[in-house]
C-alpha cells in the first residue's frame, strides 16, 4: 500500500486498522503493485483495494474461470457479449 503522511492522520487506530485489513485480505503492501491503497480522509485512514487487488482476490476463488476488463469512458456507448 502507499505511504501515508502522518501529519494528515489524527486517528492512529485507523492506520493500524487499515494495515490489519490489508493483512487479512492478503494484499501485499506496495503502491507499485497497485493491490491496495491507504487513503487519508478526514483525519482517518481507509484501506481501498485497487483493481489489481480485486483481481488477486478473485483469482483465489475456485468458481472463477477468467476475468476480462476494458475501459469505458463517461458518455461512451458500449456493448458486452460473452462467448464460450
Foldseek 3Di string as FASTA:
>chain_A
DDDDDLVLAPDVVLVVVLVVVCVVLVPDDDVVQQQWDFDRDPRGTHIGGGPVVVVVSVVVDPVDDDDDDDDDDPPHDDDDDDDD
